[in-house]
């Protein structure tokens, strides 16, 4: 027993020592000037409603005014009413226990569940008893977006390749359109991992890398409409990837620390909002640590329009959902509805 305790202690000390070395080599984000300023805009953000949750939630999603909450066990989702109270429960009667990563979407009549590691999509009418399922890809995928009851976009892999590609898939016919955007490196997408979202009309797709200052806008035919930069100065990430094993059993992993630049993103039909993880040189450190800062970009060309703080504790934020000028924020213990008046 004593030897086991000593071994565990030594292991923890070794891990801590490795962490110190990584920090010493790479530095901590925001511990020095980052080389850019924010242009502050006055946005009237008015809290309309809030609801203290009686349960643990994972993600907020919805379609228009319809709002849902997913929960960590992925056994059911909860539909919210106009006062953000739980209205009813939609049981996920699938044939297996869903294993993360799992992503949820909704439209007027359906709930969609994307299970990344199995490459499957599950769908269910709101009043149906069971879920249908289809195989979207032969292997796992790493990002997804439900466009309609017919089309879904994933970032996945062709067989035998570690180069991820974007694929728009017709769920009924199986027809695919692909884009090799950001597929230069065969590192399973580690260096170009990011956020996939769309505008409200679902006719513009946006991909924002986590680790560099890029905005990539595509149309639904997977054609690049424009590439723009976010306002920070991180134009290149030096992510190192190592592999273990050979052939189909080869596993890739990030072997160097990664500093996240962009944290979350969402859009309506006017503005792309990006929650930044980098402090500007004209920001107070304490304010940046306390509140999420949202950088706004023009949807038509990706040009920067200004930044503002959202009056919530950034450490509590789990996800966002936007419908026109109404912004819904899921915190660890509550849901809040804001009305926003953008200039």
Protein backbone atom coordinates (compact mmCIF):
# COMPACT_ATOMS: atom_id res chain seq x y z
CA UNK A 1 0.00 0.00 0.00
CA UNK A 2 2.79 2.41 0.94
CA UNK A 3 4.61 1.65 -2.32
CA UNK A 4 1.41 2.38 -4.29
CA UNK A 5 0.99 5.75 -2.57
CA UNK A 6 4.63 6.64 -3.23
CA UNK A 7 4.26 5.66 -6.89
CA UNK A 8 1.12 7.79 -7.33
CA UNK A 9 2.81 10.75 -5.64
CA UNK A 10 5.84 10.46 -7.90
CA UNK A 11 3.58 10.25 -10.96
CA UNK A 12 1.71 13.40 -9.93
CA UNK A 13 4.98 15.23 -9.27
CA UNK A 14 6.30 14.21 -12.68
CA UNK A 15 3.10 15.42 -14.39
CA UNK A 16 3.30 18.72 -12.53
CA UNK A 17 6.95 19.10 -13.52
CA UNK A 18 6.03 18.53 -17.18
CA UNK A 19 3.32 21.18 -16.91
CA UNK A 20 5.83 23.68 -15.51
CA UNK A 21 8.20 22.96 -18.38
CA UNK A 22 5.44 23.48 -20.96
CA UNK A 23 4.41 26.77 -19.37
CA UNK A 24 8.02 27.94 -19.20
CA UNK A 25 8.54 27.12 -22.87
CA UNK A 26 5.25 28.39 -24.28
CA UNK A 27 4.16 31.04 -21.80
CA UNK A 28 0.62 31.55 -20.57
CA UNK A 29 -1.92 33.34 -22.80
CA UNK A 30 -2.63 36.97 -21.88
CA UNK A 31 0.44 37.26 -19.62
CA UNK A 32 1.87 39.93 -21.95
CA UNK A 33 0.64 42.34 -24.63
CA UNK A 34 -0.99 40.57 -27.56
CA UNK A 35 -0.42 43.33 -30.13
CA UNK A 36 -3.99 44.44 -30.92
CA UNK A 37 -6.70 46.77 -29.59
CA UNK A 38 -10.47 46.45 -29.57
CA UNK A 39 -12.86 49.08 -30.87
CA UNK A 40 -15.61 49.35 -28.27
CA UNK A 41 -19.18 49.81 -29.45
CA UNK A 42 -22.18 50.69 -27.34
CA UNK A 43 -24.62 47.79 -27.35
CA UNK A 44 -27.78 47.92 -25.27
CA UNK A 45 -27.93 44.47 -23.69
CA UNK A 46 -31.08 44.14 -21.60
CA UNK A 47 -31.78 41.09 -19.44
CA UNK A 48 -35.36 40.07 -20.15
CA UNK A 49 -35.73 36.72 -18.38
CA UNK A 50 -33.76 34.29 -16.31
CA UNK A 51 -34.53 30.86 -14.92
CA UNK A 52 -32.69 28.93 -12.23
CA UNK A 53 -32.25 25.40 -13.51
CA UNK A 54 -33.40 22.48 -11.33
CA UNK A 55 -31.00 20.13 -13.13
CA UNK A 56 -27.58 19.99 -14.72
CA UNK A 57 -27.60 21.02 -18.38
CA UNK A 58 -24.94 20.69 -21.05
CA UNK A 59 -25.95 22.75 -24.09
CA UNK A 60 -28.64 25.16 -25.26
CA UNK A 61 -29.94 24.74 -28.80
CA UNK A 62 -33.04 25.59 -30.74
CA UNK A 63 -34.85 26.72 -33.86
CA UNK A 64 -36.35 30.19 -33.91
CA UNK A 65 -38.25 30.74 -30.67
CA UNK A 66 -38.14 27.04 -29.75
CA UNK A 67 -35.46 26.33 -27.15
CA UNK A 68 -34.06 23.05 -25.83
CA UNK A 69 -31.54 21.88 -23.27
CA UNK A 70 -29.40 18.78 -23.56
CA UNK A 71 -28.05 17.08 -20.45
CA UNK A 72 -24.79 15.18 -19.83
CA UNK A 73 -26.19 11.63 -19.87
CA UNK A 74 -27.75 12.25 -23.34
CA UNK A 75 -30.89 10.30 -22.42
CA UNK A 76 -33.34 13.15 -22.95
CA UNK A 77 -33.62 16.80 -23.91
CA UNK A 78 -35.83 19.43 -22.31
CA UNK A 79 -38.07 21.85 -24.18
CA UNK A 80 -38.39 25.32 -22.68
CA UNK A 81 -41.43 27.60 -22.74
CA UNK A 82 -41.50 31.35 -23.36
CA UNK A 83 -40.50 32.02 -19.74
CA UNK A 84 -37.49 29.66 -20.03
CA UNK A 85 -39.15 27.10 -17.75
CA UNK A 86 -38.97 23.41 -18.63
CA UNK A 87 -42.12 22.67 -20.61
CA UNK A 88 -41.70 18.98 -21.37
CA UNK A 89 -39.14 16.23 -21.86
CA UNK A 90 -38.22 14.54 -25.13
CA UNK A 91 -36.85 11.06 -24.41
CA UNK A 92 -33.99 9.91 -26.63
CA UNK A 93 -35.19 6.38 -27.30
CA UNK A 94 -32.23 5.31 -29.38
CA UNK A 95 -30.97 1.75 -29.57
CA UNK A 96 -27.74 2.49 -27.67
CA UNK A 97 -26.19 4.71 -25.04
CA UNK A 98 -24.95 7.82 -26.82
CA UNK A 99 -21.26 8.42 -26.24
CA UNK A 100 -19.67 11.87 -26.44
CA UNK A 101 -18.88 13.91 -28.35
CA UNK A 102 -22.57 14.36 -29.15
CA UNK A 103 -24.16 17.44 -30.75
CA UNK A 104 -27.85 18.40 -30.79
CA UNK A 105 -29.90 20.39 -33.30
CA UNK A 106 -33.57 21.17 -33.85
CA UNK A 107 -35.96 22.52 -36.43
CA UNK A 108 -39.70 23.13 -36.35
CA UNK A 109 -40.60 19.46 -36.16
CA UNK A 110 -37.49 17.40 -35.39
CA UNK A 111 -34.69 16.78 -32.91
CA UNK A 112 -31.36 15.72 -34.42
CA UNK A 113 -28.51 14.02 -32.58
CA UNK A 114 -25.04 13.73 -34.12
CA UNK A 115 -22.80 11.08 -32.55
CA UNK A 116 -19.32 11.89 -33.81
CA UNK A 117 -17.39 8.72 -33.03
CA UNK A 118 -19.94 6.38 -34.62
CA UNK A 119 -20.42 8.60 -37.67
CA UNK A 120 -24.20 8.45 -37.15
CA UNK A 121 -27.09 10.89 -37.15
CA UNK A 122 -30.26 10.15 -35.15
CA UNK A 123 -33.49 12.07 -35.86
CA UNK A 124 -36.94 12.09 -34.34
CA UNK A 125 -40.18 13.96 -34.94
CA UNK A 126 -41.24 15.81 -31.82
CA UNK A 127 -44.27 13.55 -31.37
CA UNK A 128 -42.76 10.32 -32.70
CA UNK A 129 -41.92 7.45 -30.37
CA UNK A 130 -38.56 6.30 -31.76
CA UNK A 131 -35.50 7.74 -33.47
CA UNK A 132 -34.41 6.98 -37.00
CA UNK A 133 -30.69 6.76 -37.75
CA UNK A 134 -28.43 7.06 -40.77
CA UNK A 135 -24.69 6.59 -41.24
CA UNK A 136 -23.15 9.89 -42.31
CA UNK A 137 -19.57 8.67 -42.68
CA UNK A 138 -17.67 5.40 -42.57
CA UNK A 139 -15.44 6.76 -39.80
CA UNK A 140 -15.79 9.40 -37.11
CA UNK A 141 -16.24 13.09 -37.85
CA UNK A 142 -15.06 16.08 -35.82
CA UNK A 143 -17.57 18.87 -36.55
CA UNK A 144 -21.16 19.00 -37.76
CA UNK A 145 -24.06 21.30 -38.54
CA UNK A 146 -27.68 20.46 -39.32
CA UNK A 147 -28.89 22.69 -42.17
CA UNK A 148 -32.37 21.27 -42.71
CA UNK A 149 -34.34 18.04 -42.62
CA UNK A 150 -32.49 17.09 -45.82
CA UNK A 151 -28.96 18.43 -45.51
CA UNK A 152 -26.17 18.16 -42.96
CA UNK A 153 -22.57 19.39 -43.08
CA UNK A 154 -19.75 17.50 -41.37
CA UNK A 155 -16.00 17.82 -41.19
CA UNK A 156 -14.77 14.26 -41.51
CA UNK A 157 -12.31 12.00 -43.26
CA UNK A 158 -12.15 9.98 -46.44
CA UNK A 159 -11.06 6.42 -45.80
CA UNK A 160 -7.34 6.00 -45.16
CA UNK A 161 -6.63 9.73 -44.75
CA UNK A 162 -5.82 11.97 -41.78
CA UNK A 163 -6.76 15.07 -43.80
CA UNK A 164 -10.23 16.31 -42.78
CA UNK A 165 -12.62 17.64 -45.44
CA UNK A 166 -15.95 19.45 -45.26
CA UNK A 167 -18.87 17.45 -46.66
CA UNK A 168 -22.44 18.54 -47.34
CA UNK A 169 -24.57 15.39 -47.32
CA UNK A 170 -28.09 14.90 -48.63
CA UNK A 171 -29.62 12.67 -45.96
CA UNK A 172 -32.17 11.22 -48.39
CA UNK A 173 -30.12 10.58 -51.52
CA UNK A 174 -26.63 10.29 -50.00
CA UNK A 175 -25.28 12.82 -52.52
CA UNK A 176 -22.19 14.67 -51.23
CA UNK A 177 -20.41 17.91 -52.03
CA UNK A 178 -16.94 18.33 -50.52
CA UNK A 179 -14.46 21.09 -49.79
CA UNK A 180 -10.78 20.57 -48.98
CA UNK A 181 -10.60 23.92 -47.19
CA UNK A 182 -7.94 23.77 -44.40
CA UNK A 183 -7.00 20.22 -45.39
CA UNK A 184 -3.33 20.84 -46.15
CA UNK A 185 -2.01 19.02 -43.07
CA UNK A 186 -2.53 15.31 -42.45
CA UNK A 187 -2.83 15.79 -38.68
CA UNK A 188 -6.49 14.76 -38.22
CA UNK A 189 -7.49 18.42 -37.92
CA UNK A 190 -5.58 19.16 -34.69
CA UNK A 191 -3.97 22.32 -36.06
CA UNK A 192 -7.17 23.55 -37.75
CA UNK A 193 -9.76 22.52 -35.17
CA UNK A 194 -12.45 25.17 -34.79
CA UNK A 195 -16.08 26.26 -34.64
CA UNK A 196 -18.64 25.50 -37.36
CA UNK A 197 -21.78 27.65 -37.39
CA UNK A 198 -24.22 29.31 -39.79
CA UNK A 199 -26.42 32.36 -40.14
CA UNK A 200 -30.12 32.08 -39.36
CA UNK A 201 -31.10 31.40 -42.98
CA UNK A 202 -28.52 28.59 -43.14
CA UNK A 203 -27.24 29.83 -46.51
CA UNK A 204 -23.83 30.90 -45.16
CA UNK A 205 -21.48 28.60 -43.27
CA UNK A 206 -18.70 29.91 -41.06
CA UNK A 207 -15.62 28.12 -39.82
CA UNK A 208 -13.49 29.87 -37.20
CA UNK A 209 -10.29 28.06 -36.12
CA UNK A 210 -9.66 27.89 -32.38
CA UNK A 211 -5.93 28.57 -32.63
CA UNK A 212 -5.48 31.30 -35.26
CA UNK A 213 -7.16 34.47 -36.48
CA UNK A 214 -9.24 33.20 -39.40
CA UNK A 215 -12.85 33.48 -40.55
CA UNK A 216 -13.83 31.26 -43.49
CA UNK A 217 -17.23 31.80 -45.09
CA UNK A 218 -18.70 29.17 -47.43
CA UNK A 219 -22.02 28.87 -49.23
CA UNK A 220 -24.16 25.74 -49.11
CA UNK A 221 -22.43 24.41 -52.23
CA UNK A 222 -19.24 24.35 -50.12
CA UNK A 223 -17.62 27.13 -52.16
CA UNK A 224 -15.45 29.62 -50.29
CA UNK A 225 -17.07 33.08 -50.37
CA UNK A 226 -14.37 34.89 -48.44
CA UNK A 227 -11.52 34.50 -46.00
CA UNK A 228 -11.08 37.21 -43.37
CA UNK A 229 -8.96 37.72 -40.26
CA UNK A 230 -10.15 38.22 -36.72
CA UNK A 231 -8.63 41.25 -35.03
CA UNK A 232 -5.95 39.44 -33.03
CA UNK A 233 -2.43 38.85 -34.33
CA UNK A 234 -2.22 35.04 -34.13
CA UNK A 235 -1.86 34.25 -37.83
CA UNK A 236 -0.01 30.96 -37.35
CA UNK A 237 -0.11 28.21 -34.75
CA UNK A 238 2.83 25.96 -34.07
CA UNK A 239 0.91 22.88 -32.99
CA UNK A 240 2.96 19.71 -32.97
CA UNK A 241 1.26 16.35 -33.57
CA UNK A 242 2.73 12.93 -32.82
CA UNK A 243 1.51 9.47 -33.74
CA UNK A 244 1.39 6.06 -32.17
CA UNK A 245 0.83 2.75 -33.86
CA UNK A 246 0.70 2.00 -37.57
CA UNK A 247 -1.87 1.54 -40.31
CA UNK A 248 -5.57 1.80 -39.41
CA UNK A 249 -4.74 1.61 -35.69
CA UNK A 250 -2.53 4.70 -35.74
CA UNK A 251 -3.50 7.33 -33.18
CA UNK A 252 -2.58 11.01 -33.38
CA UNK A 253 -2.35 13.38 -30.45
CA UNK A 254 -1.21 16.96 -29.82
CA UNK A 255 2.28 16.86 -28.32
CA UNK A 256 2.65 20.58 -27.61
CA UNK A 257 0.50 23.09 -25.68
CA UNK A 258 -2.22 24.88 -27.65
CA UNK A 259 -3.30 28.45 -26.90
CA UNK A 260 -6.95 28.99 -27.84
CA UNK A 261 -7.64 32.27 -29.64
CA UNK A 262 -11.35 31.93 -30.42
CA UNK A 263 -13.63 30.22 -27.90
CA UNK A 264 -17.20 30.21 -29.25
CA UNK A 265 -19.05 31.66 -32.25
CA UNK A 266 -22.63 32.14 -33.42
CA UNK A 267 -24.47 34.31 -35.96
CA UNK A 268 -27.82 35.80 -36.87
CA UNK A 269 -28.54 37.22 -40.34
CA UNK A 270 -26.57 40.44 -39.76
CA UNK A 271 -23.64 39.72 -37.49
CA UNK A 272 -21.09 37.03 -36.71
CA UNK A 273 -20.24 36.99 -32.99
CA UNK A 274 -16.95 35.50 -31.79
CA UNK A 275 -16.14 35.11 -28.11
CA UNK A 276 -12.41 35.76 -27.95
CA UNK A 277 -9.98 34.06 -25.60
CA UNK A 278 -7.29 36.74 -26.05
CA UNK A 279 -7.14 40.02 -24.14
CA UNK A 280 -6.56 43.14 -26.21
CA UNK A 281 -3.90 45.63 -25.17
CA UNK A 282 -6.58 48.23 -24.34
CA UNK A 283 -8.51 45.89 -22.01
CA UNK A 284 -8.31 45.77 -18.23
CA UNK A 285 -7.17 42.34 -17.08
CA UNK A 286 -9.82 42.02 -14.35
CA UNK A 287 -12.65 42.98 -16.71
CA UNK A 288 -11.48 40.48 -19.32
CA UNK A 289 -11.34 37.74 -16.70
CA UNK A 290 -14.84 38.49 -15.45
CA UNK A 291 -16.95 39.03 -18.59
CA UNK A 292 -17.11 37.37 -22.04
CA UNK A 293 -15.94 39.74 -24.75
CA UNK A 294 -17.82 39.37 -28.03
CA UNK A 295 -16.15 40.61 -31.21
CA UNK A 296 -18.66 41.35 -33.99
CA UNK A 297 -18.08 40.96 -37.73
CA UNK A 298 -20.14 41.93 -40.77
CA UNK A 299 -21.71 38.82 -42.24
CA UNK A 300 -21.35 39.95 -45.84
CA UNK A 301 -17.57 40.39 -45.92
CA UNK A 302 -16.22 39.47 -42.46
CA UNK A 303 -15.06 43.00 -41.64
CA UNK A 304 -14.68 43.85 -37.96
CA UNK A 305 -17.52 46.00 -36.55
CA UNK A 306 -16.54 46.36 -32.88
CA UNK A 307 -16.63 44.60 -29.51
CA UNK A 308 -18.68 44.60 -26.31
CA UNK A 309 -18.87 42.76 -23.00
CA UNK A 310 -21.75 40.48 -22.09
CA UNK A 311 -22.86 41.01 -18.45
CA UNK A 312 -22.48 37.43 -17.21
CA UNK A 313 -19.71 35.52 -15.44
CA UNK A 314 -17.61 34.11 -18.28
CA UNK A 315 -16.50 31.19 -16.11
CA UNK A 316 -20.13 30.01 -15.95
CA UNK A 317 -20.98 30.16 -19.68
CA UNK A 318 -21.70 26.84 -21.39
CA UNK A 319 -23.32 27.87 -24.68
CA UNK A 320 -25.24 30.51 -26.63
CA UNK A 321 -28.27 30.54 -28.92
CA UNK A 322 -29.36 33.59 -30.92
CA UNK A 323 -32.63 34.37 -32.65
CA UNK A 324 -32.61 37.76 -34.42
CA UNK A 325 -31.85 40.27 -31.63
CA UNK A 326 -32.58 37.87 -28.78
CA UNK A 327 -29.57 36.17 -27.22
CA UNK A 328 -29.98 33.18 -24.91
CA UNK A 329 -27.10 32.18 -22.64
CA UNK A 330 -26.78 28.90 -20.79
CA UNK A 331 -24.81 29.14 -17.56
CA UNK A 332 -23.98 26.27 -15.23
CA UNK A 333 -27.06 26.89 -13.11
CA UNK A 334 -29.42 29.09 -15.14
CA UNK A 335 -30.68 30.24 -18.54
CA UNK A 336 -30.78 33.96 -19.34
CA UNK A 337 -32.52 35.77 -22.21
CA UNK A 338 -31.08 39.10 -23.38
CA UNK A 339 -32.46 41.61 -25.85
CA UNK A 340 -29.64 43.21 -27.85
CA UNK A 341 -29.78 46.49 -29.73
CA UNK A 342 -26.77 46.54 -32.03
CA UNK A 343 -25.73 49.78 -33.76
